[in-house]
Amino acid sequence: MSSPPPSPEASRRETAAALHELSESLTAITNYVETASRLLHQPARSHRDLAAILDKVSAQIGRTHALMRRLRGLIG
């Protein structure tokens, strides 16, 4: 026996929450990339600083991919 599909209201709430999460992740990626760009233009910046920022970008991209899989699950 399969469970009944979620109500339209529940689906809307789930979708809205997922879209909010997606927006947060993309905003974080944008901020990290802008910071990395500024650091690249400063003399004598440590590559460790840039590597740390790129690690954060990678983590946010992974979060975004997971969220997209979740959204795909909502639409079947």
PDB file of N, CA and C in Angstrom:
ATOM      1  N   MET A   1       0.828  -1.183   0.000  1.00  0.00           N
ATOM      2  CA  MET A   1       0.000   0.000   0.000  1.00  0.00           C
ATOM      3  C   MET A   1       0.878   1.254   0.000  1.00  0.00           C
ATOM      4  N   SER A   2       0.593   2.128  -0.899  1.00  0.00           N
ATOM      5  CA  SER A   2       1.362   3.376  -0.925  1.00  0.00           C
ATOM      6  C   SER A   2       0.613   4.451  -0.146  1.00  0.00           C
ATOM      7  N   SER A   3       1.390   5.398   0.334  1.00  0.00           N
ATOM      8  CA  SER A   3       0.767   6.481   1.099  1.00  0.00           C
ATOM      9  C   SER A   3       0.117   7.472   0.145  1.00  0.00           C
ATOM     10  N   PRO A   4      -0.886   8.173   0.616  1.00  0.00           N
ATOM     11  CA  PRO A   4      -1.560   9.146  -0.256  1.00  0.00           C
ATOM     12  C   PRO A   4      -0.613  10.302  -0.582  1.00  0.00           C
ATOM     13  N   PRO A   5      -0.815  10.927  -1.722  1.00  0.00           N
ATOM     14  CA  PRO A   5       0.043  12.065  -2.081  1.00  0.00           C
ATOM     15  C   PRO A   5      -0.179  13.218  -1.104  1.00  0.00           C
ATOM     16  N   PRO A   6       0.850  14.062  -0.943  1.00  0.00           N
ATOM     17  CA  PRO A   6       0.683  15.201  -0.034  1.00  0.00           C
ATOM     18  C   PRO A   6      -0.383  16.155  -0.564  1.00  0.00           C
ATOM     19  N   SER A   7      -0.979  16.878   0.344  1.00  0.00           N
ATOM     20  CA  SER A   7      -1.994  17.856  -0.056  1.00  0.00           C
ATOM     21  C   SER A   7      -1.322  18.967  -0.863  1.00  0.00           C
ATOM     22  N   PRO A   8      -2.091  19.669  -1.683  1.00  0.00           N
ATOM     23  CA  PRO A   8      -1.512  20.789  -2.439  1.00  0.00           C
ATOM     24  C   PRO A   8      -0.862  21.832  -1.529  1.00  0.00           C
ATOM     25  N   GLU A   9      -1.472  22.091  -0.370  1.00  0.00           N
ATOM     26  CA  GLU A   9      -0.910  23.067   0.564  1.00  0.00           C
ATOM     27  C   GLU A   9       0.432  22.590   1.108  1.00  0.00           C
ATOM     28  N   ALA A  10       0.523  21.315   1.456  1.00  0.00           N
ATOM     29  CA  ALA A  10       1.783  20.761   1.962  1.00  0.00           C
ATOM     30  C   ALA A  10       2.863  20.820   0.877  1.00  0.00           C
ATOM     31  N   SER A  11       2.468  20.521  -0.343  1.00  0.00           N
ATOM     32  CA  SER A  11       3.418  20.597  -1.458  1.00  0.00           C
ATOM     33  C   SER A  11       3.908  22.028  -1.672  1.00  0.00           C
ATOM     34  N   ARG A  12       3.006  22.988  -1.565  1.00  0.00           N
ATOM     35  CA  ARG A  12       3.396  24.401  -1.727  1.00  0.00           C
ATOM     36  C   ARG A  12       4.376  24.823  -0.631  1.00  0.00           C
ATOM     37  N   ARG A  13       4.088  24.412   0.606  1.00  0.00           N
ATOM     38  CA  ARG A  13       4.988  24.763   1.716  1.00  0.00           C
ATOM     39  C   ARG A  13       6.360  24.141   1.520  1.00  0.00           C
ATOM     40  N   GLU A  14       6.401  22.885   1.132  1.00  0.00           N
ATOM     41  CA  GLU A  14       7.662  22.183   0.895  1.00  0.00           C
ATOM     42  C   GLU A  14       8.443  22.841  -0.240  1.00  0.00           C
ATOM     43  N   THR A  15       7.746  23.206  -1.297  1.00  0.00           N
ATOM     44  CA  THR A  15       8.392  23.860  -2.431  1.00  0.00           C
ATOM     45  C   THR A  15       8.917  25.233  -2.036  1.00  0.00           C
ATOM     46  N   ALA A  16       8.130  25.989  -1.299  1.00  0.00           N
ATOM     47  CA  ALA A  16       8.561  27.320  -0.852  1.00  0.00           C
ATOM     48  C   ALA A  16       9.795  27.213   0.039  1.00  0.00           C
ATOM     49  N   ALA A  17       9.821  26.241   0.927  1.00  0.00           N
ATOM     50  CA  ALA A  17      10.973  26.047   1.807  1.00  0.00           C
ATOM     51  C   ALA A  17      12.206  25.670   0.997  1.00  0.00           C
ATOM     52  N   ALA A  18      12.026  24.803   0.012  1.00  0.00           N
ATOM     53  CA  ALA A  18      13.147  24.383  -0.824  1.00  0.00           C
ATOM     54  C   ALA A  18      13.672  25.551  -1.660  1.00  0.00           C
ATOM     55  N   LEU A  19      12.791  26.353  -2.193  1.00  0.00           N
ATOM     56  CA  LEU A  19      13.225  27.507  -2.979  1.00  0.00           C
ATOM     57  C   LEU A  19      13.962  28.523  -2.118  1.00  0.00           C
ATOM     58  N   HIS A  20      13.519  28.696  -0.875  1.00  0.00           N
ATOM     59  CA  HIS A  20      14.211  29.589   0.050  1.00  0.00           C
ATOM     60  C   HIS A  20      15.628  29.068   0.313  1.00  0.00           C
ATOM     61  N   GLU A  21      15.738  27.775   0.536  1.00  0.00           N
ATOM     62  CA  GLU A  21      17.047  27.157   0.761  1.00  0.00           C
ATOM     63  C   GLU A  21      17.948  27.325  -0.455  1.00  0.00           C
ATOM     64  N   LEU A  22      17.385  27.139  -1.626  1.00  0.00           N
ATOM     65  CA  LEU A  22      18.143  27.309  -2.866  1.00  0.00           C
ATOM     66  C   LEU A  22      18.636  28.741  -3.004  1.00  0.00           C
ATOM     67  N   SER A  23      17.796  29.685  -2.710  1.00  0.00           N
ATOM     68  CA  SER A  23      18.164  31.092  -2.778  1.00  0.00           C
ATOM     69  C   SER A  23      19.301  31.402  -1.806  1.00  0.00           C
ATOM     70  N   GLU A  24      19.201  30.870  -0.592  1.00  0.00           N
ATOM     71  CA  GLU A  24      20.268  31.090   0.394  1.00  0.00           C
ATOM     72  C   GLU A  24      21.600  30.545  -0.088  1.00  0.00           C
ATOM     73  N   SER A  25      21.569  29.351  -0.652  1.00  0.00           N
ATOM     74  CA  SER A  25      22.794  28.723  -1.133  1.00  0.00           C
ATOM     75  C   SER A  25      23.415  29.521  -2.275  1.00  0.00           C
ATOM     76  N   LEU A  26      22.598  29.959  -3.213  1.00  0.00           N
ATOM     77  CA  LEU A  26      23.115  30.736  -4.340  1.00  0.00           C
ATOM     78  C   LEU A  26      23.651  32.095  -3.883  1.00  0.00           C
ATOM     79  N   THR A  27      23.004  32.695  -2.889  1.00  0.00           N
ATOM     80  CA  THR A  27      23.500  33.959  -2.339  1.00  0.00           C
ATOM     81  C   THR A  27      24.857  33.751  -1.682  1.00  0.00           C
ATOM     82  N   ALA A  28      25.003  32.659  -0.931  1.00  0.00           N
ATOM     83  CA  ALA A  28      26.284  32.365  -0.290  1.00  0.00           C
ATOM     84  C   ALA A  28      27.374  32.166  -1.339  1.00  0.00           C
ATOM     85  N   ILE A  29      27.076  31.419  -2.389  1.00  0.00           N
ATOM     86  CA  ILE A  29      28.061  31.201  -3.458  1.00  0.00           C
ATOM     87  C   ILE A  29      28.479  32.531  -4.068  1.00  0.00           C
ATOM     88  N   THR A  30      27.523  33.384  -4.354  1.00  0.00           N
ATOM     89  CA  THR A  30      27.821  34.705  -4.927  1.00  0.00           C
ATOM     90  C   THR A  30      28.732  35.500  -4.003  1.00  0.00           C
ATOM     91  N   ASN A  31      28.416  35.520  -2.716  1.00  0.00           N
ATOM     92  CA  ASN A  31      29.238  36.257  -1.754  1.00  0.00           C
ATOM     93  C   ASN A  31      30.653  35.702  -1.679  1.00  0.00           C
ATOM     94  N   TYR A  32      30.787  34.383  -1.654  1.00  0.00           N
ATOM     95  CA  TYR A  32      32.115  33.774  -1.590  1.00  0.00           C
ATOM     96  C   TYR A  32      32.940  34.094  -2.832  1.00  0.00           C
ATOM     97  N   VAL A  33      32.315  34.019  -4.002  1.00  0.00           N
ATOM     98  CA  VAL A  33      33.039  34.299  -5.244  1.00  0.00           C
ATOM     99  C   VAL A  33      33.455  35.771  -5.303  1.00  0.00           C
ATOM    100  N   GLU A  34      32.586  36.665  -4.887  1.00  0.00           N
ATOM    101  CA  GLU A  34      32.945  38.094  -4.866  1.00  0.00           C
ATOM    102  C   GLU A  34      34.098  38.353  -3.900  1.00  0.00           C
ATOM    103  N   THR A  35      34.083  37.687  -2.751  1.00  0.00           N
ATOM    104  CA  THR A  35      35.185  37.834  -1.789  1.00  0.00           C
ATOM    105  C   THR A  35      36.480  37.293  -2.375  1.00  0.00           C
ATOM    106  N   ALA A  36      36.428  36.142  -3.004  1.00  0.00           N
ATOM    107  CA  ALA A  36      37.632  35.570  -3.625  1.00  0.00           C
ATOM    108  C   ALA A  36      38.182  36.502  -4.698  1.00  0.00           C
ATOM    109  N   SER A  37      37.305  37.096  -5.476  1.00  0.00           N
ATOM    110  CA  SER A  37      37.736  38.030  -6.518  1.00  0.00           C
ATOM    111  C   SER A  37      38.452  39.230  -5.908  1.00  0.00           C
ATOM    112  N   ARG A  38      37.892  39.763  -4.825  1.00  0.00           N
ATOM    113  CA  ARG A  38      38.550  40.899  -4.154  1.00  0.00           C
ATOM    114  C   ARG A  38      39.919  40.496  -3.603  1.00  0.00           C
ATOM    115  N   LEU A  39      40.007  39.302  -3.030  1.00  0.00           N
ATOM    116  CA  LEU A  39      41.283  38.839  -2.483  1.00  0.00           C
ATOM    117  C   LEU A  39      42.341  38.677  -3.577  1.00  0.00           C
ATOM    118  N   LEU A  40      41.915  38.230  -4.727  1.00  0.00           N
ATOM    119  CA  LEU A  40      42.864  38.050  -5.835  1.00  0.00           C
ATOM    120  C   LEU A  40      43.484  39.367  -6.278  1.00  0.00           C
ATOM    121  N   HIS A  41      42.781  40.446  -6.072  1.00  0.00           N
ATOM    122  CA  HIS A  41      43.277  41.753  -6.494  1.00  0.00           C
ATOM    123  C   HIS A  41      44.114  42.451  -5.422  1.00  0.00           C
ATOM    124  N   GLN A  42      44.265  41.815  -4.272  1.00  0.00           N
ATOM    125  CA  GLN A  42      45.103  42.385  -3.209  1.00  0.00           C
ATOM    126  C   GLN A  42      46.499  41.771  -3.306  1.00  0.00           C
ATOM    127  N   PRO A  43      47.522  42.599  -3.140  1.00  0.00           N
ATOM    128  CA  PRO A  43      48.880  42.058  -3.199  1.00  0.00           C
ATOM    129  C   PRO A  43      49.167  41.126  -2.016  1.00  0.00           C
ATOM    130  N   ALA A  44      49.939  40.102  -2.290  1.00  0.00           N
ATOM    131  CA  ALA A  44      50.459  39.193  -1.265  1.00  0.00           C
ATOM    132  C   ALA A  44      49.372  38.491  -0.447  1.00  0.00           C
ATOM    133  N   ARG A  45      48.289  38.104  -1.066  1.00  0.00           N
ATOM    134  CA  ARG A  45      47.252  37.351  -0.356  1.00  0.00           C
ATOM    135  C   ARG A  45      47.650  35.888  -0.303  1.00  0.00           C
ATOM    136  N   SER A  46      47.311  35.257   0.764  1.00  0.00           N
ATOM    137  CA  SER A  46      47.614  33.847   0.949  1.00  0.00           C
ATOM    138  C   SER A  46      46.696  32.984   0.085  1.00  0.00           C
ATOM    139  N   HIS A  47      47.294  31.988  -0.520  1.00  0.00           N
ATOM    140  CA  HIS A  47      46.469  31.046  -1.280  1.00  0.00           C
ATOM    141  C   HIS A  47      45.582  30.238  -0.347  1.00  0.00           C
ATOM    142  N   ARG A  48      45.972  30.136   0.922  1.00  0.00           N
ATOM    143  CA  ARG A  48      45.135  29.432   1.894  1.00  0.00           C
ATOM    144  C   ARG A  48      43.800  30.136   2.074  1.00  0.00           C
ATOM    145  N   ASP A  49      43.822  31.462   2.038  1.00  0.00           N
ATOM    146  CA  ASP A  49      42.571  32.224   2.149  1.00  0.00           C
ATOM    147  C   ASP A  49      41.642  31.881   0.988  1.00  0.00           C
ATOM    148  N   LEU A  50      42.200  31.864  -0.203  1.00  0.00           N
ATOM    149  CA  LEU A  50      41.392  31.556  -1.389  1.00  0.00           C
ATOM    150  C   LEU A  50      40.923  30.104  -1.377  1.00  0.00           C
ATOM    151  N   ALA A  51      41.803  29.204  -0.953  1.00  0.00           N
ATOM    152  CA  ALA A  51      41.428  27.792  -0.891  1.00  0.00           C
ATOM    153  C   ALA A  51      40.262  27.587   0.080  1.00  0.00           C
ATOM    154  N   ALA A  52      40.284  28.283   1.208  1.00  0.00           N
ATOM    155  CA  ALA A  52      39.191  28.164   2.177  1.00  0.00           C
ATOM    156  C   ALA A  52      37.875  28.655   1.579  1.00  0.00           C
ATOM    157  N   ILE A  53      37.949  29.744   0.838  1.00  0.00           N
ATOM    158  CA  ILE A  53      36.731  30.271   0.195  1.00  0.00           C
ATOM    159  C   ILE A  53      36.223  29.284  -0.854  1.00  0.00           C
ATOM    160  N   LEU A  54      37.128  28.734  -1.648  1.00  0.00           N
ATOM    161  CA  LEU A  54      36.703  27.773  -2.669  1.00  0.00           C
ATOM    162  C   LEU A  54      36.108  26.511  -2.036  1.00  0.00           C
ATOM    163  N   ASP A  55      36.619  26.099  -0.880  1.00  0.00           N
ATOM    164  CA  ASP A  55      36.014  24.973  -0.159  1.00  0.00           C
ATOM    165  C   ASP A  55      34.575  25.294   0.241  1.00  0.00           C
ATOM    166  N   LYS A  56      34.342  26.527   0.661  1.00  0.00           N
ATOM    167  CA  LYS A  56      32.978  26.944   1.033  1.00  0.00           C
ATOM    168  C   LYS A  56      32.065  26.966  -0.192  1.00  0.00           C
ATOM    169  N   VAL A  57      32.587  27.425  -1.319  1.00  0.00           N
ATOM    170  CA  VAL A  57      31.802  27.424  -2.557  1.00  0.00           C
ATOM    171  C   VAL A  57      31.425  25.991  -2.921  1.00  0.00           C
ATOM    172  N   SER A  58      32.392  25.104  -2.848  1.00  0.00           N
ATOM    173  CA  SER A  58      32.133  23.704  -3.170  1.00  0.00           C
ATOM    174  C   SER A  58      31.059  23.110  -2.260  1.00  0.00           C
ATOM    175  N   ALA A  59      31.117  23.416  -0.977  1.00  0.00           N
ATOM    176  CA  ALA A  59      30.113  22.909  -0.036  1.00  0.00           C
ATOM    177  C   ALA A  59      28.721  23.438  -0.381  1.00  0.00           C
ATOM    178  N   GLN A  60      28.637  24.705  -0.749  1.00  0.00           N
ATOM    179  CA  GLN A  60      27.340  25.290  -1.112  1.00  0.00           C
ATOM    180  C   GLN A  60      26.802  24.681  -2.403  1.00  0.00           C
ATOM    181  N   ILE A  61      27.685  24.398  -3.330  1.00  0.00           N
ATOM    182  CA  ILE A  61      27.240  23.754  -4.579  1.00  0.00           C
ATOM    183  C   ILE A  61      26.707  22.362  -4.266  1.00  0.00           C
ATOM    184  N   GLY A  62      27.376  21.628  -3.377  1.00  0.00           N
ATOM    185  CA  GLY A  62      26.874  20.312  -2.964  1.00  0.00           C
ATOM    186  C   GLY A  62      25.511  20.419  -2.307  1.00  0.00           C
ATOM    187  N   ARG A  63      25.337  21.418  -1.470  1.00  0.00           N
ATOM    188  CA  ARG A  63      24.041  21.654  -0.819  1.00  0.00           C
ATOM    189  C   ARG A  63      22.965  21.941  -1.868  1.00  0.00           C
ATOM    190  N   THR A  64      23.325  22.735  -2.863  1.00  0.00           N
ATOM    191  CA  THR A  64      22.376  23.074  -3.919  1.00  0.00           C
ATOM    192  C   THR A  64      21.992  21.839  -4.726  1.00  0.00           C
ATOM    193  N   HIS A  65      22.957  20.992  -5.033  1.00  0.00           N
ATOM    194  CA  HIS A  65      22.643  19.758  -5.770  1.00  0.00           C
ATOM    195  C   HIS A  65      21.710  18.857  -4.958  1.00  0.00           C
ATOM    196  N   ALA A  66      21.963  18.741  -3.662  1.00  0.00           N
ATOM    197  CA  ALA A  66      21.098  17.921  -2.812  1.00  0.00           C
ATOM    198  C   ALA A  66      19.674  18.477  -2.801  1.00  0.00           C
ATOM    199  N   LEU A  67      19.571  19.777  -2.746  1.00  0.00           N
ATOM    200  CA  LEU A  67      18.259  20.418  -2.757  1.00  0.00           C
ATOM    201  C   LEU A  67      17.541  20.172  -4.086  1.00  0.00           C
ATOM    202  N   MET A  68      18.271  20.234  -5.167  1.00  0.00           N
ATOM    203  CA  MET A  68      17.659  19.980  -6.472  1.00  0.00           C
ATOM    204  C   MET A  68      17.154  18.539  -6.559  1.00  0.00           C
ATOM    205  N   ARG A  69      17.892  17.593  -5.993  1.00  0.00           N
ATOM    206  CA  ARG A  69      17.416  16.201  -5.970  1.00  0.00           C
ATOM    207  C   ARG A  69      16.118  16.113  -5.162  1.00  0.00           C
ATOM    208  N   ARG A  70      16.080  16.839  -4.037  1.00  0.00           N
ATOM    209  CA  ARG A  70      14.868  16.851  -3.207  1.00  0.00           C
ATOM    210  C   ARG A  70      13.678  17.414  -3.979  1.00  0.00           C
ATOM    211  N   LEU A  71      13.914  18.498  -4.713  1.00  0.00           N
ATOM    212  CA  LEU A  71      12.838  19.102  -5.508  1.00  0.00           C
ATOM    213  C   LEU A  71      12.363  18.129  -6.606  1.00  0.00           C
ATOM    214  N   ARG A  72      13.309  17.447  -7.226  1.00  0.00           N
ATOM    215  CA  ARG A  72      12.913  16.465  -8.242  1.00  0.00           C
ATOM    216  C   ARG A  72      12.021  15.391  -7.639  1.00  0.00           C
ATOM    217  N   GLY A  73      12.326  15.001  -6.392  1.00  0.00           N
ATOM    218  CA  GLY A  73      11.514  14.015  -5.705  1.00  0.00           C
ATOM    219  C   GLY A  73      10.093  14.505  -5.460  1.00  0.00           C
ATOM    220  N   LEU A  74       9.936  15.797  -5.258  1.00  0.00           N
ATOM    221  CA  LEU A  74       8.611  16.364  -5.027  1.00  0.00           C
ATOM    222  C   LEU A  74       7.737  16.307  -6.274  1.00  0.00           C
ATOM    223  N   ILE A  75       8.376  16.435  -7.426  1.00  0.00           N
ATOM    224  CA  ILE A  75       7.578  16.454  -8.651  1.00  0.00           C
ATOM    225  C   ILE A  75       7.489  15.078  -9.309  1.00  0.00           C
ATOM    226  N   GLY A  76       8.125  14.099  -8.701  1.00  0.00           N
ATOM    227  CA  GLY A  76       7.975  12.730  -9.180  1.00  0.00           C
ATOM    228  C   GLY A  76       9.079  12.370 -10.040  1.00  0.00           C
TER     229      GLY A  76
END
